[in-house]
N, C-alpha and C. Protein backbone atom coordinates (compact mmCIF):
# COMPACT_ATOMS: atom_id res chain seq x y z
N MET A 1 -5.62 20.95 -15.58
CA MET A 1 -6.69 20.86 -14.65
C MET A 1 -7.58 22.33 -14.62
N SER A 2 -8.82 22.06 -14.58
CA SER A 2 -9.74 23.20 -14.32
C SER A 2 -10.16 22.93 -13.08
N GLY A 3 -10.96 24.61 -12.57
CA GLY A 3 -11.54 24.21 -11.43
C GLY A 3 -10.33 24.03 -10.10
N PRO A 4 -10.90 23.87 -8.56
CA PRO A 4 -9.79 23.96 -7.72
C PRO A 4 -8.67 23.02 -7.31
N LYS A 5 -7.63 22.65 -7.11
CA LYS A 5 -6.78 21.68 -6.88
C LYS A 5 -7.24 21.20 -5.46
N LEU A 6 -6.79 20.09 -5.92
CA LEU A 6 -6.81 18.63 -5.10
C LEU A 6 -6.63 18.98 -3.62
N ILE A 7 -7.35 18.99 -2.88
CA ILE A 7 -6.66 19.20 -1.12
C ILE A 7 -6.36 18.06 -0.99
N ILE A 8 -5.08 17.80 -0.49
CA ILE A 8 -4.11 16.81 -0.15
C ILE A 8 -4.90 16.37 1.55
N SER A 9 -5.41 14.94 1.73
CA SER A 9 -5.88 14.77 2.72
C SER A 9 -4.73 13.26 2.81
N PRO A 10 -5.29 12.36 3.90
CA PRO A 10 -4.43 10.82 4.19
C PRO A 10 -5.47 9.84 3.35
N LYS A 11 -6.44 10.39 2.53
CA LYS A 11 -7.05 9.62 1.79
C LYS A 11 -7.12 9.97 0.12
N THR A 12 -6.20 10.95 0.08
CA THR A 12 -5.84 11.28 -1.55
C THR A 12 -5.27 10.37 -1.68
N LYS A 13 -5.42 9.48 -3.53
CA LYS A 13 -4.58 8.52 -3.95
C LYS A 13 -3.20 8.81 -4.22
N VAL A 14 -2.15 8.25 -4.49
CA VAL A 14 -1.10 9.03 -4.79
C VAL A 14 -0.99 9.24 -6.23
N GLY A 15 -1.54 8.73 -7.28
CA GLY A 15 -1.80 8.86 -8.39
C GLY A 15 -2.56 10.44 -8.95
N GLU A 16 -3.73 10.42 -7.95
CA GLU A 16 -3.96 11.85 -8.22
C GLU A 16 -3.16 12.85 -7.97
N LEU A 17 -2.50 12.67 -6.37
CA LEU A 17 -1.71 13.74 -6.06
C LEU A 17 -0.85 14.21 -7.06
N LEU A 18 -0.16 13.01 -7.73
CA LEU A 18 0.98 13.28 -8.54
C LEU A 18 0.32 14.00 -10.03
N ASP A 19 -1.03 13.54 -10.25
CA ASP A 19 -1.11 14.37 -11.71
C ASP A 19 -1.37 15.91 -11.42
N ALA A 20 -2.11 16.13 -10.00
CA ALA A 20 -2.30 17.43 -9.92
C ALA A 20 -1.35 18.39 -9.41
N PHE A 21 -0.10 17.60 -8.86
CA PHE A 21 1.09 18.29 -8.48
C PHE A 21 1.91 17.75 -8.30
N PRO A 22 2.95 17.32 -10.27
CA PRO A 22 3.47 16.75 -10.22
C PRO A 22 5.05 17.03 -9.67
N GLN A 23 5.34 17.95 -8.87
CA GLN A 23 6.48 18.48 -8.18
C GLN A 23 6.12 17.75 -7.53
N LEU A 24 5.60 17.70 -6.58
CA LEU A 24 5.65 16.36 -5.31
C LEU A 24 6.01 15.14 -5.34
N GLU A 25 6.39 14.63 -6.76
CA GLU A 25 7.37 13.43 -6.83
C GLU A 25 8.83 13.74 -6.46
N ASP A 26 9.58 14.55 -6.57
CA ASP A 26 10.34 15.07 -6.10
C ASP A 26 10.40 14.76 -4.25
N VAL A 27 9.41 15.69 -3.55
CA VAL A 27 9.63 15.34 -2.62
C VAL A 27 9.40 13.81 -1.70
N LEU A 28 8.68 13.32 -2.23
CA LEU A 28 7.84 12.06 -2.21
C LEU A 28 9.54 11.25 -2.24
N LEU A 29 10.05 11.27 -2.84
CA LEU A 29 11.81 10.34 -3.63
C LEU A 29 12.45 11.43 -2.21
N GLU A 30 12.58 12.49 -1.75
CA GLU A 30 13.15 12.97 -0.61
C GLU A 30 12.65 12.07 0.73
N LEU A 31 11.49 12.08 0.75
CA LEU A 31 10.85 11.51 1.93
C LEU A 31 11.24 9.94 2.33
N SER A 32 11.16 9.05 1.49
CA SER A 32 11.65 7.91 1.56
C SER A 32 12.13 7.26 0.08
N PRO A 33 13.23 6.65 0.46
CA PRO A 33 13.84 5.62 -0.48
C PRO A 33 12.46 4.96 -1.08
N SER A 34 11.39 4.35 -0.31
CA SER A 34 10.59 3.48 -1.29
C SER A 34 9.45 4.31 -1.77
N PHE A 35 9.89 5.66 -1.83
CA PHE A 35 8.91 6.00 -3.24
C PHE A 35 9.43 5.82 -4.56
N ALA A 36 10.81 5.22 -4.52
CA ALA A 36 11.46 5.30 -5.59
C ALA A 36 11.24 4.59 -6.30
N LYS A 37 10.11 3.40 -6.30
CA LYS A 37 9.31 2.89 -6.95
C LYS A 37 8.36 3.86 -8.24
N LEU A 38 7.85 4.67 -7.65
CA LEU A 38 6.83 5.34 -8.61
C LEU A 38 7.61 5.94 -10.17
N LYS A 39 8.75 6.01 -9.90
CA LYS A 39 9.22 6.60 -11.48
C LYS A 39 8.98 5.32 -12.15
N ASN A 40 8.65 4.01 -11.83
CA ASN A 40 8.01 2.94 -12.77
C ASN A 40 6.76 3.21 -13.22
N PRO A 41 6.16 3.08 -14.70
CA PRO A 41 5.27 4.06 -15.03
C PRO A 41 4.23 2.47 -15.38
N ILE A 42 4.75 1.29 -15.22
CA ILE A 42 3.77 0.36 -14.50
C ILE A 42 3.27 0.25 -13.30
N LEU A 43 4.09 1.11 -12.42
CA LEU A 43 3.36 0.92 -10.72
C LEU A 43 2.77 2.26 -10.83
N ARG A 44 3.07 3.16 -11.78
CA ARG A 44 2.40 5.00 -11.35
C ARG A 44 0.97 4.07 -12.15
N LYS A 45 0.68 3.57 -12.81
CA LYS A 45 -0.44 3.49 -13.49
C LYS A 45 -1.47 2.65 -12.74
N THR A 46 -0.37 1.71 -11.89
CA THR A 46 -1.57 0.98 -11.21
C THR A 46 -1.37 1.00 -9.73
N VAL A 47 -0.68 0.68 -8.39
CA VAL A 47 -0.69 1.06 -7.52
C VAL A 47 -1.10 2.25 -7.12
N ALA A 48 -0.18 3.41 -8.10
CA ALA A 48 -0.49 5.03 -7.50
C ALA A 48 -2.15 5.29 -7.64
N ARG A 49 -2.33 4.43 -8.53
CA ARG A 49 -4.03 4.73 -8.59
C ARG A 49 -5.00 4.40 -7.49
N VAL A 50 -4.65 3.41 -6.72
CA VAL A 50 -5.29 3.00 -5.60
C VAL A 50 -4.39 3.09 -4.52
N ALA A 51 -3.41 3.30 -4.54
CA ALA A 51 -2.86 3.82 -2.69
C ALA A 51 -2.59 4.79 -2.53
N SER A 52 -3.69 5.24 -1.26
CA SER A 52 -3.40 6.06 -0.49
C SER A 52 -2.49 6.79 0.27
N LEU A 53 -2.71 7.85 0.63
CA LEU A 53 -1.57 8.75 0.98
C LEU A 53 -1.02 7.94 2.66
N GLN A 54 -2.39 7.57 3.01
CA GLN A 54 -2.40 6.77 4.14
C GLN A 54 -1.43 5.25 4.24
N GLN A 55 -2.05 4.90 3.58
CA GLN A 55 -1.08 3.29 2.55
C GLN A 55 0.40 3.72 2.35
N ALA A 56 0.51 4.91 1.65
CA ALA A 56 2.10 5.12 0.91
C ALA A 56 2.79 5.36 2.43
N ALA A 57 2.17 6.08 3.26
CA ALA A 57 3.13 6.30 4.38
C ALA A 57 3.42 5.21 4.84
N MET A 58 2.75 4.11 5.43
CA MET A 58 3.12 2.44 5.94
C MET A 58 4.13 2.25 5.34
N VAL A 59 4.06 2.26 3.68
CA VAL A 59 5.00 1.45 2.89
C VAL A 59 6.30 2.12 3.21
N GLY A 60 6.40 3.30 3.44
CA GLY A 60 7.60 4.30 3.67
C GLY A 60 7.93 5.03 4.48
N GLY A 61 7.05 4.00 5.75
CA GLY A 61 8.10 4.14 7.11
C GLY A 61 7.60 5.51 7.44
N LEU A 62 6.83 6.22 7.44
CA LEU A 62 6.04 7.63 7.51
C LEU A 62 5.21 7.88 8.65
N LYS A 63 4.72 9.06 9.31
CA LYS A 63 3.78 9.17 9.90
C LYS A 63 3.02 9.63 8.92
N VAL A 64 1.24 9.49 9.30
CA VAL A 64 1.00 10.06 7.74
C VAL A 64 0.32 11.40 7.92
N ASP A 65 0.36 12.04 9.26
CA ASP A 65 -0.23 13.23 9.29
C ASP A 65 1.48 14.00 8.53
N GLU A 66 2.70 13.75 9.04
CA GLU A 66 3.48 14.26 8.89
C GLU A 66 4.23 14.07 7.49
N LEU A 67 3.23 13.31 6.70
CA LEU A 67 3.75 12.62 5.10
C LEU A 67 2.76 14.08 4.73
N VAL A 68 1.79 14.02 5.09
CA VAL A 68 0.21 14.70 4.59
C VAL A 68 0.68 16.71 4.59
N ASN A 69 1.24 16.63 5.97
CA ASN A 69 2.00 18.09 6.51
C ASN A 69 2.88 18.68 5.30
N ARG A 70 3.69 17.99 4.84
CA ARG A 70 4.60 17.76 4.57
C ARG A 70 4.53 17.94 2.77
N LEU A 71 3.69 17.59 2.35
CA LEU A 71 2.99 17.70 0.70
C LEU A 71 2.27 19.25 0.86
N ARG A 72 1.52 18.90 1.99
CA ARG A 72 0.52 20.14 2.18
C ARG A 72 1.31 21.96 1.83
N LYS A 73 2.44 21.87 2.81
CA LYS A 73 2.95 22.79 2.91
C LYS A 73 3.80 22.83 1.41
N GLU A 74 4.35 22.15 0.69
CA GLU A 74 4.75 21.92 -0.41
C GLU A 74 4.24 23.22 -1.59
N VAL A 75 2.99 22.78 -1.39
CA VAL A 75 1.72 23.01 -2.60
C VAL A 75 1.26 24.41 -1.97
N GLY A 76 1.51 25.01 -0.76
CA GLY A 76 1.04 26.34 -0.39
C GLY A 76 -0.66 26.42 0.47
N GLN A 77 -0.94 24.89 0.75
CA GLN A 77 -2.46 24.24 1.34
C GLN A 77 -2.12 24.65 2.98
N ASP A 78 -2.76 24.68 4.02
CA ASP A 78 -2.99 24.94 5.33
C ASP A 78 -3.24 23.56 5.76
N LEU A 79 -2.23 23.24 6.82
CA LEU A 79 -1.55 21.78 7.39
C LEU A 79 -2.76 21.22 7.84
N PHE A 80 -3.01 19.93 8.03
CA PHE A 80 -3.73 19.03 7.92
C PHE A 80 -3.62 18.84 9.32
N GLY A 81 -5.12 19.18 10.12
CA GLY A 81 -5.49 19.16 11.50
C GLY A 81 -6.39 17.77 11.94
N GLY A 82 -6.77 17.02 10.90
CA GLY A 82 -7.88 16.23 11.33
C GLY A 82 -7.63 14.95 11.76
N GLU A 83 -8.34 14.39 12.34
CA GLU A 83 -7.67 13.01 12.98
C GLU A 83 -7.54 11.86 11.21
N SER A 84 -5.96 11.11 11.29
CA SER A 84 -6.39 10.06 10.84
C SER A 84 -6.42 8.85 11.64
N GLU A 85 -7.08 7.77 10.09
CA GLU A 85 -7.42 6.51 10.81
C GLU A 85 -5.56 5.92 10.94
N ASN A 86 -5.45 5.16 12.72
CA ASN A 86 -4.14 5.02 12.82
C ASN A 86 -3.76 3.24 12.47
N VAL A 87 -3.96 2.89 11.01
CA VAL A 87 -4.11 1.69 10.91
C VAL A 87 -3.03 0.78 10.92
N GLN A 88 -3.27 -0.61 11.38
CA GLN A 88 -1.47 -1.37 11.52
C GLN A 88 -2.05 -2.48 10.79
N TYR A 89 -0.94 -2.86 10.19
CA TYR A 89 -0.89 -3.88 8.76
C TYR A 89 -0.03 -4.82 9.30
N LEU A 90 0.87 -4.50 10.12
CA LEU A 90 2.03 -5.46 10.85
C LEU A 90 1.73 -6.42 12.29
N ALA A 91 1.61 -7.44 12.30
CA ALA A 91 1.11 -8.25 13.46
C ALA A 91 2.54 -8.69 14.16
N VAL A 92 2.45 -9.09 15.31
CA VAL A 92 3.34 -9.20 16.27
C VAL A 92 3.21 -10.65 16.10
N THR A 93 1.85 -11.08 16.35
CA THR A 93 1.58 -12.79 16.23
C THR A 93 0.54 -12.99 15.44
N PRO A 94 0.66 -14.64 14.67
CA PRO A 94 -0.99 -14.87 14.05
C PRO A 94 -1.89 -14.32 14.73
N PRO A 95 -3.37 -14.45 14.06
CA PRO A 95 -4.54 -14.29 14.36
C PRO A 95 -5.08 -15.06 14.93
N ASP A 96 -5.97 -15.55 15.97
CA ASP A 96 -6.17 -16.76 16.26
C ASP A 96 -7.07 -17.90 14.97
N TRP A 97 -7.25 -17.13 13.70
CA TRP A 97 -8.13 -17.73 12.61
C TRP A 97 -6.77 -18.37 11.80
N PHE A 98 -5.46 -18.15 12.16
CA PHE A 98 -4.41 -18.69 11.24
C PHE A 98 -3.95 -20.21 11.53
N ASN A 99 -4.20 -21.33 10.88
CA ASN A 99 -3.24 -22.24 10.60
C ASN A 99 -2.54 -22.77 9.65
N GLU A 100 -1.00 -22.93 10.14
CA GLU A 100 -0.20 -23.10 8.79
C GLU A 100 -0.47 -24.52 8.15
N THR A 101 -1.13 -25.08 8.47
CA THR A 101 -1.34 -26.23 7.68
C THR A 101 -2.45 -26.09 6.30
N GLN A 102 -3.17 -24.91 6.56
CA GLN A 102 -4.40 -24.64 5.62
C GLN A 102 -3.70 -23.35 4.81
N VAL A 103 -1.77 -23.01 5.01
CA VAL A 103 -1.57 -22.45 4.19
C VAL A 103 -1.24 -23.08 2.37
N GLY A 104 -2.22 -22.58 1.18
CA GLY A 104 -2.19 -22.90 0.29
C GLY A 104 -1.33 -22.24 -0.91
N PRO A 105 -2.38 -21.39 -1.58
CA PRO A 105 -1.30 -21.10 -2.53
C PRO A 105 0.00 -19.90 -1.93
N GLN A 106 0.82 -20.17 -2.48
CA GLN A 106 2.11 -18.97 -2.58
C GLN A 106 2.69 -18.39 -3.33
N PHE A 107 2.85 -17.27 -3.18
CA PHE A 107 3.34 -16.39 -3.93
C PHE A 107 4.41 -15.01 -3.62
N ASP A 108 5.43 -15.16 -4.26
CA ASP A 108 6.68 -14.28 -3.96
C ASP A 108 6.44 -12.90 -5.20
N ALA A 109 5.88 -12.00 -4.55
CA ALA A 109 5.92 -11.04 -5.36
C ALA A 109 7.06 -10.13 -5.30
N SER A 110 7.87 -10.17 -4.84
CA SER A 110 9.10 -9.50 -4.53
C SER A 110 10.27 -9.33 -5.90
N PRO A 111 10.28 -10.39 -6.57
CA PRO A 111 10.88 -10.35 -7.96
C PRO A 111 10.48 -9.49 -9.08
N ILE A 112 9.17 -9.48 -8.84
CA ILE A 112 7.84 -8.32 -9.57
C ILE A 112 8.51 -7.16 -9.74
N ILE A 113 8.10 -7.36 -8.25
CA ILE A 113 8.14 -5.43 -7.49
C ILE A 113 9.42 -5.03 -7.73
N ASN A 114 10.65 -5.93 -7.35
CA ASN A 114 11.75 -5.01 -7.74
C ASN A 114 12.60 -4.86 -8.99
N SER A 115 11.82 -5.55 -9.98
CA SER A 115 11.94 -5.41 -11.21
C SER A 115 10.99 -4.62 -11.72
N GLY A 116 10.39 -3.88 -10.85
CA GLY A 116 9.56 -2.55 -11.50
C GLY A 116 8.23 -2.82 -12.01
N GLY A 117 7.64 -4.37 -11.80
CA GLY A 117 6.48 -4.63 -12.34
C GLY A 117 5.24 -4.61 -11.30
N SER A 118 4.43 -4.77 -11.58
CA SER A 118 3.19 -4.73 -10.10
C SER A 118 2.39 -6.54 -10.09
N PRO A 119 2.44 -6.62 -8.92
CA PRO A 119 1.67 -7.81 -8.79
C PRO A 119 0.45 -8.02 -8.55
N MET A 120 -0.25 -6.79 -9.03
CA MET A 120 -1.68 -6.54 -8.21
C MET A 120 -2.46 -7.74 -8.80
N ALA A 121 -2.44 -8.18 -9.86
CA ALA A 121 -3.33 -8.52 -10.90
C ALA A 121 -3.24 -10.26 -10.32
N ASP A 122 -1.68 -10.59 -10.65
CA ASP A 122 -1.65 -11.75 -10.12
C ASP A 122 -2.29 -12.23 -8.62
N ILE A 123 -2.07 -11.21 -7.84
CA ILE A 123 -2.37 -11.19 -6.28
C ILE A 123 -3.92 -11.46 -6.20
N LEU A 124 -4.44 -10.64 -7.11
CA LEU A 124 -5.68 -10.42 -6.90
C LEU A 124 -6.55 -12.13 -7.54
N ALA A 125 -6.05 -12.62 -9.13
CA ALA A 125 -6.46 -13.63 -9.39
C ALA A 125 -6.37 -14.67 -8.22
N LEU A 126 -5.02 -14.75 -7.69
CA LEU A 126 -4.98 -16.06 -6.44
C LEU A 126 -5.97 -15.91 -5.39
N ALA A 127 -6.36 -14.92 -5.02
CA ALA A 127 -7.26 -14.53 -4.04
C ALA A 127 -8.64 -14.53 -4.41
N LYS A 128 -9.24 -14.43 -5.61
CA LYS A 128 -10.38 -14.77 -6.08
C LYS A 128 -10.39 -16.54 -6.19
N GLU A 129 -9.67 -17.31 -6.76
CA GLU A 129 -9.78 -18.83 -6.58
C GLU A 129 -8.85 -19.33 -5.34
N LEU A 130 -9.07 -18.62 -4.23
CA LEU A 130 -9.00 -19.45 -2.77
C LEU A 130 -10.00 -19.85 -2.51
N LYS A 131 -10.11 -21.26 -2.22
CA LYS A 131 -11.02 -22.07 -1.81
C LYS A 131 -11.48 -21.80 -0.24
N GLN A 132 -12.56 -22.21 0.15
CA GLN A 132 -12.97 -22.00 1.42
C GLN A 132 -12.01 -22.83 2.42
N GLY A 133 -11.51 -22.01 3.75
CA GLY A 133 -10.67 -22.73 4.32
C GLY A 133 -9.45 -22.85 4.15
N GLU A 134 -8.64 -22.07 2.83
CA GLU A 134 -7.56 -22.14 2.28
C GLU A 134 -6.88 -20.48 2.80
N ILE A 135 -5.75 -20.78 2.63
CA ILE A 135 -5.03 -19.29 2.89
C ILE A 135 -4.22 -18.97 1.96
N LEU A 136 -4.04 -17.92 1.47
CA LEU A 136 -3.14 -17.64 0.45
C LEU A 136 -1.75 -16.82 1.26
N GLU A 137 -0.34 -17.23 0.65
CA GLU A 137 0.81 -16.49 1.48
C GLU A 137 1.18 -15.83 0.49
N ILE A 138 1.46 -14.24 0.74
CA ILE A 138 2.24 -13.35 -0.41
C ILE A 138 3.64 -12.92 0.63
N LYS A 139 4.67 -12.79 -0.51
CA LYS A 139 6.00 -12.20 0.24
C LYS A 139 6.00 -11.13 -0.65
N THR A 140 6.52 -9.86 0.02
CA THR A 140 6.91 -8.78 -0.95
C THR A 140 8.19 -7.94 0.15
N PRO A 141 8.34 -6.75 -0.36
CA PRO A 141 9.56 -6.37 -0.11
C PRO A 141 9.11 -5.42 0.97
N PHE A 142 7.52 -4.62 1.24
CA PHE A 142 7.17 -3.73 1.84
C PHE A 142 5.51 -4.31 2.11
N VAL A 143 5.20 -3.63 3.26
CA VAL A 143 3.91 -4.04 3.46
C VAL A 143 3.22 -3.67 2.37
N PRO A 144 2.02 -4.80 1.94
CA PRO A 144 0.89 -4.14 0.52
C PRO A 144 -0.15 -3.71 1.23
N ALA A 145 -0.03 -2.43 1.55
CA ALA A 145 -0.98 -1.95 2.43
C ALA A 145 -2.32 -2.04 1.05
N PRO A 146 -1.72 -1.59 -0.28
CA PRO A 146 -3.34 -1.06 -1.12
C PRO A 146 -4.09 -2.50 -0.95
N ILE A 147 -3.18 -3.73 -1.14
CA ILE A 147 -3.68 -4.77 -1.81
C ILE A 147 -4.50 -5.56 -0.36
N ILE A 148 -3.58 -5.36 0.62
CA ILE A 148 -4.78 -5.44 1.52
C ILE A 148 -5.51 -5.10 1.80
N ASP A 149 -5.94 -3.42 1.55
CA ASP A 149 -7.28 -3.06 1.87
C ASP A 149 -7.93 -3.03 1.09
N MET A 150 -8.03 -3.67 -0.28
CA MET A 150 -8.66 -3.96 -1.27
C MET A 150 -9.00 -5.60 -0.97
N LEU A 151 -8.52 -6.27 -0.46
CA LEU A 151 -8.48 -7.62 -0.52
C LEU A 151 -9.71 -7.52 0.97
N LYS A 152 -9.41 -6.76 1.82
CA LYS A 152 -10.29 -6.97 3.22
C LYS A 152 -11.69 -6.27 2.69
N ASP A 153 -12.03 -5.33 1.54
CA ASP A 153 -13.08 -4.90 1.22
C ASP A 153 -14.05 -5.94 0.73
N LYS A 154 -13.43 -7.00 0.11
CA LYS A 154 -13.77 -8.02 -0.66
C LYS A 154 -14.22 -8.91 0.76
N GLY A 155 -14.24 -8.86 1.54
CA GLY A 155 -14.65 -9.73 2.60
C GLY A 155 -12.99 -10.94 3.04
N PHE A 156 -12.06 -10.52 2.85
CA PHE A 156 -10.91 -11.14 3.42
C PHE A 156 -10.65 -10.83 4.65
N LYS A 157 -10.08 -11.65 5.43
CA LYS A 157 -9.27 -11.53 6.42
C LYS A 157 -7.63 -11.45 6.14
N SER A 158 -7.09 -10.61 6.92
CA SER A 158 -5.70 -10.69 6.91
C SER A 158 -4.36 -10.45 7.77
N PHE A 159 -3.30 -10.76 7.94
CA PHE A 159 -2.20 -9.79 8.55
C PHE A 159 -1.34 -10.43 7.76
N SER A 160 0.03 -9.62 8.10
CA SER A 160 1.06 -9.47 7.56
C SER A 160 2.01 -9.56 8.92
N LEU A 161 3.38 -10.16 8.67
CA LEU A 161 4.33 -10.39 9.53
C LEU A 161 5.57 -9.80 8.91
N GLN A 162 6.70 -9.25 9.68
CA GLN A 162 7.78 -8.55 9.08
C GLN A 162 8.94 -10.38 9.21
N ASN A 163 9.32 -10.22 8.26
CA ASN A 163 9.90 -11.56 8.16
C ASN A 163 12.06 -10.96 7.87
N GLY A 164 12.73 -10.59 8.50
CA GLY A 164 13.89 -9.63 8.04
C GLY A 164 13.32 -8.85 7.21
N ASP A 165 13.88 -9.05 5.95
CA ASP A 165 13.57 -8.15 4.87
C ASP A 165 12.44 -7.38 4.19
N GLU A 166 11.59 -8.95 4.01
CA GLU A 166 10.46 -9.13 3.47
C GLU A 166 9.44 -9.30 4.64
N VAL A 167 7.99 -9.07 3.76
CA VAL A 167 6.93 -9.01 4.88
C VAL A 167 5.97 -10.19 3.91
N VAL A 168 5.73 -10.93 4.91
CA VAL A 168 4.46 -12.37 5.01
C VAL A 168 3.77 -12.00 5.26
N SER A 169 2.68 -11.80 4.32
CA SER A 169 0.76 -11.47 3.94
C SER A 169 0.19 -12.54 4.14
N TYR A 170 -0.90 -12.79 5.09
CA TYR A 170 -1.57 -14.25 4.54
C TYR A 170 -3.11 -13.42 4.71
N PHE A 171 -3.98 -14.27 3.36
CA PHE A 171 -5.33 -13.46 3.49
C PHE A 171 -6.26 -14.87 3.36
N ALA A 172 -7.27 -14.72 4.16
CA ALA A 172 -8.32 -15.81 4.17
C ALA A 172 -9.67 -15.31 4.25
N LYS A 173 -10.59 -16.49 3.16
CA LYS A 173 -12.59 -16.05 2.70
C LYS A 173 -12.82 -15.99 4.05
């Protein structure tokens, strides 16, 4: 890579980070076992390309500033002093727009994720086919922050609840 190296921030994509600093993969793995899935080439090409460090911190159960500063320290960059958005993905109670009787398509992405695959295309396809008034339910082993942000950018409302070892996320147009 020619020119200046990537400056690590909460908005840095995990894929960009690992392309610029491959040695940081071991640091990520040390910080959270959730990052072990980055070793999977399919997830590396899909989720890592769209997931920011902000989202990865959420998935890994880490504070974003601590994650960014640990990575910066490893590559000799100054510590991050900026303000990062504290995005809240998990809800305590469902929002007013949620009505359980409107839950239509349901998709358990956990088997795909746990076997090393990426359910992103499946989830986006289901969301695209969602009818007005219908709610899509997705089950995952962790908060699907990249999907949530991607669908919110497309105008969807969403919220997620922790349910034991899984996270159940709901999306509506």
